[in-house]
C-alpha cells in the first residue's frame, strides 16, 4: 500500500519541499519552482523493500493525466537510499502519476 504524504520535508538531493494546499511542492531551482510534487511511499513488509515514488508536474495536472516526471527511490535495511530510477528510464514529463507502479524503472 502506498500513501501520499505532505508537509515540509527536507532532502539534500531534491531540495526543500513545502506543503501547498494538501500537495507538496518543490522549490529547488528557477526551472522547477513552479512544479507540484507528490511523494508516495510504502513497504512490502520489511525495510529491504522500502520504496518511494516522487513525481513532479505543472500545477493543476491531474494525477490521472500524462504530464508527470516520476522517479522511484529504493532503500536498504539501514534506511540509506541505494537507487534512484526514472519511470521508463527518462525524466520526461509524460507519465501518469496514478500509474506509477506500472512503469519500468531504470
Protein backbone atom coordinates (compact mmCIF):
# COMPACT_ATOMS: atom_id res chain seq x y z
CA UNK A 1 0.00 0.00 0.00
CA UNK A 2 1.34 3.43 -0.90
CA UNK A 3 0.31 6.64 0.80
CA UNK A 4 0.75 10.21 -0.38
CA UNK A 5 2.49 12.45 2.09
CA UNK A 6 2.53 16.18 2.50
CA UNK A 7 4.15 18.63 4.85
CA UNK A 8 7.62 20.05 4.99
CA UNK A 9 10.29 17.56 4.01
CA UNK A 10 13.98 18.27 3.65
CA UNK A 11 16.18 16.21 1.37
CA UNK A 12 19.60 17.22 0.13
CA UNK A 13 19.13 15.71 -3.33
CA UNK A 14 15.70 17.17 -4.01
CA UNK A 15 15.99 20.43 -2.07
CA UNK A 16 13.29 21.90 0.16
CA UNK A 17 9.67 20.82 -0.11
CA UNK A 18 6.79 22.86 1.23
CA UNK A 19 3.13 21.98 1.68
CA UNK A 20 0.78 23.99 -0.51
CA UNK A 21 -2.89 23.19 -0.07
CA UNK A 22 -2.52 19.47 0.63
CA UNK A 23 0.06 18.85 -2.09
CA UNK A 24 3.79 19.05 -1.71
CA UNK A 25 5.60 21.50 -3.96
CA UNK A 26 9.32 21.54 -4.68
CA UNK A 27 11.46 24.64 -4.50
CA UNK A 28 14.83 23.62 -5.90
CA UNK A 29 15.65 25.77 -8.90
CA UNK A 30 14.24 28.57 -11.02
CA UNK A 31 13.08 25.99 -13.58
CA UNK A 32 11.36 23.75 -11.02
CA UNK A 33 9.99 26.31 -8.58
CA UNK A 34 6.54 26.28 -10.19
CA UNK A 35 6.08 22.50 -10.17
CA UNK A 36 3.82 20.49 -7.92
CA UNK A 37 5.45 17.49 -6.29
CA UNK A 38 3.83 14.36 -4.87
CA UNK A 39 5.50 11.61 -2.85
CA UNK A 40 4.14 8.10 -2.29
CA UNK A 41 5.85 5.54 -0.08
CA UNK A 42 5.31 2.03 1.08
CA UNK A 43 6.85 -1.28 2.05
CA UNK A 44 6.01 -4.86 1.34
CA UNK A 45 6.62 -5.98 4.90
CA UNK A 46 10.29 -5.26 5.56
CA UNK A 47 12.79 -2.41 5.32
CA UNK A 48 14.64 -4.05 2.43
CA UNK A 49 11.69 -3.37 0.16
CA UNK A 50 11.04 0.24 1.14
CA UNK A 51 10.29 2.36 -1.91
CA UNK A 52 9.30 5.94 -2.54
CA UNK A 53 7.87 7.39 -5.70
CA UNK A 54 8.44 11.10 -6.33
CA UNK A 55 6.60 12.93 -9.09
CA UNK A 56 6.69 16.46 -10.47
CA UNK A 57 4.17 18.17 -12.75
CA UNK A 58 2.82 21.58 -13.63
CA UNK A 59 0.29 22.83 -11.05
CA UNK A 60 -3.20 21.63 -11.90
CA UNK A 61 -2.06 18.47 -13.69
CA UNK A 62 -4.44 15.69 -12.67
CA UNK A 63 -2.85 12.58 -11.19
CA UNK A 64 -4.73 10.63 -13.88
CA UNK A 65 -3.29 12.72 -16.74
CA UNK A 66 0.01 12.44 -18.62
CA UNK A 67 2.37 15.24 -17.64
CA UNK A 68 4.31 13.84 -14.69
CA UNK A 69 8.04 13.16 -14.26
CA UNK A 70 8.36 10.20 -11.86
CA UNK A 71 11.30 8.55 -10.13
CA UNK A 72 11.48 5.63 -7.73
CA UNK A 73 13.82 5.65 -4.73
CA UNK A 74 14.82 2.40 -3.05
CA UNK A 75 16.41 1.99 0.39
CA UNK A 76 18.44 -0.69 2.17
CA UNK A 77 17.70 -2.15 5.61
CA UNK A 78 19.65 0.72 7.24
CA UNK A 79 17.38 3.28 5.61
CA UNK A 80 20.03 4.52 3.19
CA UNK A 81 18.95 5.40 -0.33
CA UNK A 82 20.56 2.88 -2.68
CA UNK A 83 18.99 3.80 -6.01
CA UNK A 84 17.10 6.49 -7.88
CA UNK A 85 15.49 5.29 -11.11
CA UNK A 86 13.28 7.11 -13.60
CA UNK A 87 9.99 5.78 -15.00
CA UNK A 88 10.64 4.40 -18.50
CA UNK A 89 14.32 5.29 -17.89
CA UNK A 90 13.80 9.01 -18.59
CA UNK A 91 12.86 12.21 -16.76
CA UNK A 92 10.32 13.36 -19.35
CA UNK A 93 7.05 14.96 -18.23
CA UNK A 94 4.88 12.37 -20.00
CA UNK A 95 3.93 9.91 -17.25
CA UNK A 96 0.68 9.37 -15.30
CA UNK A 97 1.08 9.60 -11.52
CA UNK A 98 -1.76 7.15 -10.86
CA UNK A 99 0.12 4.55 -12.95
CA UNK A 100 3.46 4.98 -11.14
CA UNK A 101 3.57 1.31 -10.12
CA UNK A 102 3.10 0.14 -13.72
CA UNK A 103 6.26 1.68 -15.21
CA UNK A 104 9.63 0.01 -15.65
CA UNK A 105 12.28 1.99 -13.77
CA UNK A 106 15.86 2.34 -14.88
